[in-house]
Amino acid sequence: MEVSKPEVNLWIGKSADDVLAEAFHEIRDPIYNAVGHLSVLKSVELPAEEAQQYINLVLNQALYAKEIIESVYQYMNEKREGQ
């Protein structure tokens, strides 16, 4: 699964409140999915190959959430510097 990278341009023209609300909405799904996959890994014994698939899914979800956070941080810094 390839992680799509959110663009800072996604936030252009939006208020800080709107950016944060949308970012939190975008972050929620990968975090909830990661928690679900980690719960499976913790609760059952899986063959190594299947466990690795879950680990890859969790990593991709975490990387996606990280990219969202970084895009918001970059946008907020650019907005602050532009004032």
PDB file of N, CA and C in Angstrom:
ATOM      1  N   MET A   1       0.844  -1.183   0.000  1.00  0.00           N
ATOM      2  CA  MET A   1       0.000   0.000   0.000  1.00  0.00           C
ATOM      3  C   MET A   1       0.880   1.234   0.000  1.00  0.00           C
ATOM      4  N   GLU A   2       0.702   2.075  -0.980  1.00  0.00           N
ATOM      5  CA  GLU A   2       1.466   3.315  -1.113  1.00  0.00           C
ATOM      6  C   GLU A   2       0.777   4.411  -0.325  1.00  0.00           C
ATOM      7  N   VAL A   3       1.552   5.158   0.459  1.00  0.00           N
ATOM      8  CA  VAL A   3       1.007   6.257   1.239  1.00  0.00           C
ATOM      9  C   VAL A   3       0.967   7.490   0.366  1.00  0.00           C
ATOM     10  N   SER A   4      -0.232   8.068   0.230  1.00  0.00           N
ATOM     11  CA  SER A   4      -0.323   9.310  -0.529  1.00  0.00           C
ATOM     12  C   SER A   4       0.044  10.459   0.398  1.00  0.00           C
ATOM     13  N   LYS A   5       0.799  11.399  -0.137  1.00  0.00           N
ATOM     14  CA  LYS A   5       1.297  12.501   0.673  1.00  0.00           C
ATOM     15  C   LYS A   5       0.366  13.704   0.564  1.00  0.00           C
ATOM     16  N   PRO A   6      -0.188  14.159   1.694  1.00  0.00           N
ATOM     17  CA  PRO A   6      -1.028  15.352   1.650  1.00  0.00           C
ATOM     18  C   PRO A   6      -0.191  16.559   1.233  1.00  0.00           C
ATOM     19  N   GLU A   7      -0.767  17.415   0.475  1.00  0.00           N
ATOM     20  CA  GLU A   7      -0.074  18.608   0.011  1.00  0.00           C
ATOM     21  C   GLU A   7      -0.454  19.795   0.883  1.00  0.00           C
ATOM     22  N   VAL A   8       0.511  20.682   1.103  1.00  0.00           N
ATOM     23  CA  VAL A   8       0.234  21.908   1.842  1.00  0.00           C
ATOM     24  C   VAL A   8      -0.839  22.704   1.106  1.00  0.00           C
ATOM     25  N   ASN A   9      -0.850  22.624  -0.233  1.00  0.00           N
ATOM     26  CA  ASN A   9      -1.835  23.341  -1.033  1.00  0.00           C
ATOM     27  C   ASN A   9      -3.261  22.975  -0.633  1.00  0.00           C
ATOM     28  N   LEU A  10      -3.431  21.838  -0.033  1.00  0.00           N
ATOM     29  CA  LEU A  10      -4.744  21.396   0.432  1.00  0.00           C
ATOM     30  C   LEU A  10      -5.340  22.412   1.410  1.00  0.00           C
ATOM     31  N   TRP A  11      -4.490  23.098   2.146  1.00  0.00           N
ATOM     32  CA  TRP A  11      -4.950  23.990   3.216  1.00  0.00           C
ATOM     33  C   TRP A  11      -5.027  25.456   2.789  1.00  0.00           C
ATOM     34  N   ILE A  12      -4.505  25.800   1.613  1.00  0.00           N
ATOM     35  CA  ILE A  12      -4.450  27.200   1.198  1.00  0.00           C
ATOM     36  C   ILE A  12      -5.847  27.809   1.165  1.00  0.00           C
ATOM     37  N   GLY A  13      -5.937  29.015   1.729  1.00  0.00           N
ATOM     38  CA  GLY A  13      -7.187  29.753   1.734  1.00  0.00           C
ATOM     39  C   GLY A  13      -8.135  29.377   2.853  1.00  0.00           C
ATOM     40  N   LYS A  14      -7.722  28.464   3.700  1.00  0.00           N
ATOM     41  CA  LYS A  14      -8.595  28.039   4.798  1.00  0.00           C
ATOM     42  C   LYS A  14      -8.114  28.660   6.102  1.00  0.00           C
ATOM     43  N   SER A  15      -9.035  28.861   7.001  1.00  0.00           N
ATOM     44  CA  SER A  15      -8.676  29.397   8.311  1.00  0.00           C
ATOM     45  C   SER A  15      -7.951  28.324   9.113  1.00  0.00           C
ATOM     46  N   ALA A  16      -7.215  28.765  10.125  1.00  0.00           N
ATOM     47  CA  ALA A  16      -6.497  27.822  10.988  1.00  0.00           C
ATOM     48  C   ALA A  16      -7.466  26.833  11.625  1.00  0.00           C
ATOM     49  N   ASP A  17      -8.634  27.319  12.024  1.00  0.00           N
ATOM     50  CA  ASP A  17      -9.627  26.420  12.634  1.00  0.00           C
ATOM     51  C   ASP A  17     -10.089  25.348  11.648  1.00  0.00           C
ATOM     52  N   ASP A  18     -10.331  25.754  10.388  1.00  0.00           N
ATOM     53  CA  ASP A  18     -10.756  24.789   9.373  1.00  0.00           C
ATOM     54  C   ASP A  18      -9.651  23.779   9.068  1.00  0.00           C
ATOM     55  N   VAL A  19      -8.421  24.264   8.993  1.00  0.00           N
ATOM     56  CA  VAL A  19      -7.285  23.370   8.726  1.00  0.00           C
ATOM     57  C   VAL A  19      -7.169  22.328   9.825  1.00  0.00           C
ATOM     58  N   LEU A  20      -7.239  22.771  11.074  1.00  0.00           N
ATOM     59  CA  LEU A  20      -7.128  21.821  12.188  1.00  0.00           C
ATOM     60  C   LEU A  20      -8.295  20.841  12.210  1.00  0.00           C
ATOM     61  N   ALA A  21      -9.502  21.319  11.967  1.00  0.00           N
ATOM     62  CA  ALA A  21     -10.665  20.428  11.970  1.00  0.00           C
ATOM     63  C   ALA A  21     -10.533  19.369  10.878  1.00  0.00           C
ATOM     64  N   GLU A  22     -10.144  19.784   9.673  1.00  0.00           N
ATOM     65  CA  GLU A  22      -9.990  18.826   8.577  1.00  0.00           C
ATOM     66  C   GLU A  22      -8.831  17.869   8.827  1.00  0.00           C
ATOM     67  N   ALA A  23      -7.730  18.396   9.369  1.00  0.00           N
ATOM     68  CA  ALA A  23      -6.573  17.536   9.636  1.00  0.00           C
ATOM     69  C   ALA A  23      -6.917  16.485  10.689  1.00  0.00           C
ATOM     70  N   PHE A  24      -7.603  16.892  11.743  1.00  0.00           N
ATOM     71  CA  PHE A  24      -7.980  15.919  12.766  1.00  0.00           C
ATOM     72  C   PHE A  24      -8.901  14.854  12.191  1.00  0.00           C
ATOM     73  N   HIS A  25      -9.795  15.269  11.311  1.00  0.00           N
ATOM     74  CA  HIS A  25     -10.673  14.298  10.662  1.00  0.00           C
ATOM     75  C   HIS A  25      -9.859  13.316   9.815  1.00  0.00           C
ATOM     76  N   GLU A  26      -8.886  13.825   9.067  1.00  0.00           N
ATOM     77  CA  GLU A  26      -8.030  12.982   8.221  1.00  0.00           C
ATOM     78  C   GLU A  26      -7.131  12.056   9.042  1.00  0.00           C
ATOM     79  N   ILE A  27      -6.691  12.504  10.188  1.00  0.00           N
ATOM     80  CA  ILE A  27      -5.779  11.717  11.032  1.00  0.00           C
ATOM     81  C   ILE A  27      -6.510  10.605  11.774  1.00  0.00           C
ATOM     82  N   ARG A  28      -7.759  10.852  12.099  1.00  0.00           N
ATOM     83  CA  ARG A  28      -8.515   9.899  12.919  1.00  0.00           C
ATOM     84  C   ARG A  28      -8.566   8.504  12.308  1.00  0.00           C
ATOM     85  N   ASP A  29      -8.874   8.392  11.019  1.00  0.00           N
ATOM     86  CA  ASP A  29      -9.019   7.074  10.401  1.00  0.00           C
ATOM     87  C   ASP A  29      -7.738   6.236  10.435  1.00  0.00           C
ATOM     88  N   PRO A  30      -6.584   6.781  10.019  1.00  0.00           N
ATOM     89  CA  PRO A  30      -5.387   5.938  10.074  1.00  0.00           C
ATOM     90  C   PRO A  30      -4.992   5.544  11.500  1.00  0.00           C
ATOM     91  N   ILE A  31      -5.257   6.424  12.460  1.00  0.00           N
ATOM     92  CA  ILE A  31      -4.931   6.081  13.847  1.00  0.00           C
ATOM     93  C   ILE A  31      -5.842   4.961  14.337  1.00  0.00           C
ATOM     94  N   TYR A  32      -7.138   5.082  14.088  1.00  0.00           N
ATOM     95  CA  TYR A  32      -8.070   4.025  14.507  1.00  0.00           C
ATOM     96  C   TYR A  32      -7.743   2.702  13.812  1.00  0.00           C
ATOM     97  N   ASN A  33      -7.412   2.771  12.519  1.00  0.00           N
ATOM     98  CA  ASN A  33      -7.041   1.549  11.802  1.00  0.00           C
ATOM     99  C   ASN A  33      -5.775   0.923  12.382  1.00  0.00           C
ATOM    100  N   ALA A  34      -4.794   1.751  12.700  1.00  0.00           N
ATOM    101  CA  ALA A  34      -3.544   1.239  13.275  1.00  0.00           C
ATOM    102  C   ALA A  34      -3.814   0.563  14.618  1.00  0.00           C
ATOM    103  N   VAL A  35      -4.646   1.174  15.434  1.00  0.00           N
ATOM    104  CA  VAL A  35      -4.990   0.574  16.734  1.00  0.00           C
ATOM    105  C   VAL A  35      -5.660  -0.785  16.529  1.00  0.00           C
ATOM    106  N   GLY A  36      -6.554  -0.879  15.556  1.00  0.00           N
ATOM    107  CA  GLY A  36      -7.214  -2.153  15.272  1.00  0.00           C
ATOM    108  C   GLY A  36      -6.234  -3.221  14.823  1.00  0.00           C
ATOM    109  N   HIS A  37      -5.328  -2.854  13.918  1.00  0.00           N
ATOM    110  CA  HIS A  37      -4.340  -3.832  13.446  1.00  0.00           C
ATOM    111  C   HIS A  37      -3.385  -4.252  14.565  1.00  0.00           C
ATOM    112  N   LEU A  38      -2.970  -3.312  15.394  1.00  0.00           N
ATOM    113  CA  LEU A  38      -2.085  -3.659  16.508  1.00  0.00           C
ATOM    114  C   LEU A  38      -2.802  -4.546  17.524  1.00  0.00           C
ATOM    115  N   SER A  39      -4.102  -4.325  17.709  1.00  0.00           N
ATOM    116  CA  SER A  39      -4.874  -5.175  18.623  1.00  0.00           C
ATOM    117  C   SER A  39      -4.908  -6.615  18.121  1.00  0.00           C
ATOM    118  N   VAL A  40      -5.058  -6.776  16.815  1.00  0.00           N
ATOM    119  CA  VAL A  40      -5.037  -8.125  16.233  1.00  0.00           C
ATOM    120  C   VAL A  40      -3.673  -8.765  16.474  1.00  0.00           C
ATOM    121  N   LEU A  41      -2.617  -8.016  16.202  1.00  0.00           N
ATOM    122  CA  LEU A  41      -1.261  -8.561  16.393  1.00  0.00           C
ATOM    123  C   LEU A  41      -1.022  -8.974  17.837  1.00  0.00           C
ATOM    124  N   LYS A  42      -1.570  -8.217  18.759  1.00  0.00           N
ATOM    125  CA  LYS A  42      -1.369  -8.493  20.180  1.00  0.00           C
ATOM    126  C   LYS A  42      -2.192  -9.684  20.667  1.00  0.00           C
ATOM    127  N   SER A  43      -3.375  -9.877  20.084  1.00  0.00           N
ATOM    128  CA  SER A  43      -4.307 -10.854  20.641  1.00  0.00           C
ATOM    129  C   SER A  43      -4.233 -12.251  20.030  1.00  0.00           C
ATOM    130  N   VAL A  44      -3.658 -12.377  18.834  1.00  0.00           N
ATOM    131  CA  VAL A  44      -3.608 -13.701  18.206  1.00  0.00           C
ATOM    132  C   VAL A  44      -2.205 -13.981  17.679  1.00  0.00           C
ATOM    133  N   GLU A  45      -1.898 -15.247  17.599  1.00  0.00           N
ATOM    134  CA  GLU A  45      -0.629 -15.635  16.994  1.00  0.00           C
ATOM    135  C   GLU A  45      -0.850 -15.805  15.499  1.00  0.00           C
ATOM    136  N   LEU A  46      -0.028 -15.134  14.747  1.00  0.00           N
ATOM    137  CA  LEU A  46      -0.140 -15.184  13.290  1.00  0.00           C
ATOM    138  C   LEU A  46       1.160 -15.713  12.702  1.00  0.00           C
ATOM    139  N   PRO A  47       1.068 -16.337  11.542  1.00  0.00           N
ATOM    140  CA  PRO A  47       2.302 -16.696  10.851  1.00  0.00           C
ATOM    141  C   PRO A  47       3.108 -15.420  10.580  1.00  0.00           C
ATOM    142  N   ALA A  48       4.411 -15.560  10.549  1.00  0.00           N
ATOM    143  CA  ALA A  48       5.289 -14.401  10.395  1.00  0.00           C
ATOM    144  C   ALA A  48       4.934 -13.551   9.177  1.00  0.00           C
ATOM    145  N   GLU A  49       4.603 -14.191   8.077  1.00  0.00           N
ATOM    146  CA  GLU A  49       4.279 -13.449   6.855  1.00  0.00           C
ATOM    147  C   GLU A  49       3.019 -12.604   7.027  1.00  0.00           C
ATOM    148  N   GLU A  50       2.016 -13.164   7.668  1.00  0.00           N
ATOM    149  CA  GLU A  50       0.770 -12.430   7.899  1.00  0.00           C
ATOM    150  C   GLU A  50       0.991 -11.303   8.912  1.00  0.00           C
ATOM    151  N   ALA A  51       1.780 -11.573   9.945  1.00  0.00           N
ATOM    152  CA  ALA A  51       2.097 -10.541  10.933  1.00  0.00           C
ATOM    153  C   ALA A  51       2.830  -9.387  10.255  1.00  0.00           C
ATOM    154  N   GLN A  52       3.721  -9.702   9.338  1.00  0.00           N
ATOM    155  CA  GLN A  52       4.458  -8.665   8.619  1.00  0.00           C
ATOM    156  C   GLN A  52       3.516  -7.798   7.785  1.00  0.00           C
ATOM    157  N   GLN A  53       2.471  -8.398   7.233  1.00  0.00           N
ATOM    158  CA  GLN A  53       1.490  -7.626   6.473  1.00  0.00           C
ATOM    159  C   GLN A  53       0.782  -6.608   7.376  1.00  0.00           C
ATOM    160  N   TYR A  54       0.410  -7.048   8.590  1.00  0.00           N
ATOM    161  CA  TYR A  54      -0.211  -6.137   9.545  1.00  0.00           C
ATOM    162  C   TYR A  54       0.763  -5.031   9.938  1.00  0.00           C
ATOM    163  N   ILE A  55       2.000  -5.389  10.161  1.00  0.00           N
ATOM    164  CA  ILE A  55       3.014  -4.392  10.521  1.00  0.00           C
ATOM    165  C   ILE A  55       3.160  -3.368   9.400  1.00  0.00           C
ATOM    166  N   ASN A  56       3.183  -3.819   8.160  1.00  0.00           N
ATOM    167  CA  ASN A  56       3.284  -2.903   7.026  1.00  0.00           C
ATOM    168  C   ASN A  56       2.066  -1.978   6.944  1.00  0.00           C
ATOM    169  N   LEU A  57       0.886  -2.524   7.198  1.00  0.00           N
ATOM    170  CA  LEU A  57      -0.320  -1.687   7.197  1.00  0.00           C
ATOM    171  C   LEU A  57      -0.246  -0.604   8.272  1.00  0.00           C
ATOM    172  N   VAL A  58       0.156  -0.999   9.472  1.00  0.00           N
ATOM    173  CA  VAL A  58       0.261  -0.036  10.575  1.00  0.00           C
ATOM    174  C   VAL A  58       1.306   1.029  10.249  1.00  0.00           C
ATOM    175  N   LEU A  59       2.436   0.611   9.711  1.00  0.00           N
ATOM    176  CA  LEU A  59       3.477   1.572   9.353  1.00  0.00           C
ATOM    177  C   LEU A  59       2.958   2.562   8.312  1.00  0.00           C
ATOM    178  N   ASN A  60       2.290   2.083   7.286  1.00  0.00           N
ATOM    179  CA  ASN A  60       1.747   2.974   6.263  1.00  0.00           C
ATOM    180  C   ASN A  60       0.722   3.940   6.843  1.00  0.00           C
ATOM    181  N   GLN A  61      -0.110   3.455   7.753  1.00  0.00           N
ATOM    182  CA  GLN A  61      -1.108   4.320   8.371  1.00  0.00           C
ATOM    183  C   GLN A  61      -0.438   5.380   9.242  1.00  0.00           C
ATOM    184  N   ALA A  62       0.582   4.992   9.969  1.00  0.00           N
ATOM    185  CA  ALA A  62       1.319   5.947  10.806  1.00  0.00           C
ATOM    186  C   ALA A  62       2.034   6.980   9.938  1.00  0.00           C
ATOM    187  N   LEU A  63       2.617   6.537   8.833  1.00  0.00           N
ATOM    188  CA  LEU A  63       3.304   7.471   7.936  1.00  0.00           C
ATOM    189  C   LEU A  63       2.319   8.461   7.316  1.00  0.00           C
ATOM    190  N   TYR A  64       1.139   7.995   6.968  1.00  0.00           N
ATOM    191  CA  TYR A  64       0.123   8.888   6.415  1.00  0.00           C
ATOM    192  C   TYR A  64      -0.283   9.939   7.445  1.00  0.00           C
ATOM    193  N   ALA A  65      -0.529   9.516   8.680  1.00  0.00           N
ATOM    194  CA  ALA A  65      -0.894  10.457   9.746  1.00  0.00           C
ATOM    195  C   ALA A  65       0.240  11.457   9.971  1.00  0.00           C
ATOM    196  N   LYS A  66       1.467  10.987   9.930  1.00  0.00           N
ATOM    197  CA  LYS A  66       2.637  11.859  10.095  1.00  0.00           C
ATOM    198  C   LYS A  66       2.691  12.902   8.983  1.00  0.00           C
ATOM    199  N   GLU A  67       2.415  12.503   7.754  1.00  0.00           N
ATOM    200  CA  GLU A  67       2.434  13.433   6.631  1.00  0.00           C
ATOM    201  C   GLU A  67       1.355  14.505   6.787  1.00  0.00           C
ATOM    202  N   ILE A  68       0.206  14.123   7.279  1.00  0.00           N
ATOM    203  CA  ILE A  68      -0.857  15.104   7.514  1.00  0.00           C
ATOM    204  C   ILE A  68      -0.390  16.120   8.553  1.00  0.00           C
ATOM    205  N   ILE A  69       0.160  15.624   9.637  1.00  0.00           N
ATOM    206  CA  ILE A  69       0.647  16.512  10.696  1.00  0.00           C
ATOM    207  C   ILE A  69       1.725  17.444  10.159  1.00  0.00           C
ATOM    208  N   GLU A  70       2.656  16.910   9.385  1.00  0.00           N
ATOM    209  CA  GLU A  70       3.729  17.737   8.834  1.00  0.00           C
ATOM    210  C   GLU A  70       3.192  18.782   7.859  1.00  0.00           C
ATOM    211  N   SER A  71       2.187  18.434   7.062  1.00  0.00           N
ATOM    212  CA  SER A  71       1.633  19.407   6.119  1.00  0.00           C
ATOM    213  C   SER A  71       0.926  20.537   6.864  1.00  0.00           C
ATOM    214  N   VAL A  72       0.231  20.217   7.948  1.00  0.00           N
ATOM    215  CA  VAL A  72      -0.431  21.247   8.745  1.00  0.00           C
ATOM    216  C   VAL A  72       0.617  22.138   9.407  1.00  0.00           C
ATOM    217  N   TYR A  73       1.642  21.529   9.961  1.00  0.00           N
ATOM    218  CA  TYR A  73       2.717  22.282  10.606  1.00  0.00           C
ATOM    219  C   TYR A  73       3.381  23.232   9.613  1.00  0.00           C
ATOM    220  N   GLN A  74       3.683  22.730   8.420  1.00  0.00           N
ATOM    221  CA  GLN A  74       4.311  23.554   7.390  1.00  0.00           C
ATOM    222  C   GLN A  74       3.380  24.701   6.976  1.00  0.00           C
ATOM    223  N   TYR A  75       2.117  24.388   6.779  1.00  0.00           N
ATOM    224  CA  TYR A  75       1.152  25.417   6.398  1.00  0.00           C
ATOM    225  C   TYR A  75       1.056  26.498   7.462  1.00  0.00           C
ATOM    226  N   MET A  76       0.950  26.094   8.713  1.00  0.00           N
ATOM    227  CA  MET A  76       0.826  27.061   9.804  1.00  0.00           C
ATOM    228  C   MET A  76       2.077  27.933   9.902  1.00  0.00           C
ATOM    229  N   ASN A  77       3.258  27.347   9.708  1.00  0.00           N
ATOM    230  CA  ASN A  77       4.490  28.133   9.730  1.00  0.00           C
ATOM    231  C   ASN A  77       4.527  29.124   8.574  1.00  0.00           C
ATOM    232  N   GLU A  78       4.129  28.675   7.386  1.00  0.00           N
ATOM    233  CA  GLU A  78       4.114  29.573   6.233  1.00  0.00           C
ATOM    234  C   GLU A  78       3.105  30.702   6.446  1.00  0.00           C
ATOM    235  N   LYS A  79       1.981  30.371   7.023  1.00  0.00           N
ATOM    236  CA  LYS A  79       0.947  31.382   7.285  1.00  0.00           C
ATOM    237  C   LYS A  79       1.456  32.394   8.313  1.00  0.00           C
ATOM    238  N   ARG A  80       2.121  31.904   9.348  1.00  0.00           N
ATOM    239  CA  ARG A  80       2.652  32.777  10.400  1.00  0.00           C
ATOM    240  C   ARG A  80       3.744  33.697   9.828  1.00  0.00           C
ATOM    241  N   GLU A  81       4.612  33.145   8.976  1.00  0.00           N
ATOM    242  CA  GLU A  81       5.690  33.939   8.391  1.00  0.00           C
ATOM    243  C   GLU A  81       5.144  34.975   7.417  1.00  0.00           C
ATOM    244  N   GLY A  82       4.015  34.707   6.797  1.00  0.00           N
ATOM    245  CA  GLY A  82       3.407  35.621   5.840  1.00  0.00           C
ATOM    246  C   GLY A  82       2.679  36.784   6.483  1.00  0.00           C
ATOM    247  N   GLN A  83       2.490  36.736   7.781  1.00  0.00           N
ATOM    248  CA  GLN A  83       1.756  37.807   8.469  1.00  0.00           C
ATOM    249  C   GLN A  83       2.647  38.973   8.790  1.00  0.00           C
TER     250      GLN A  83
END
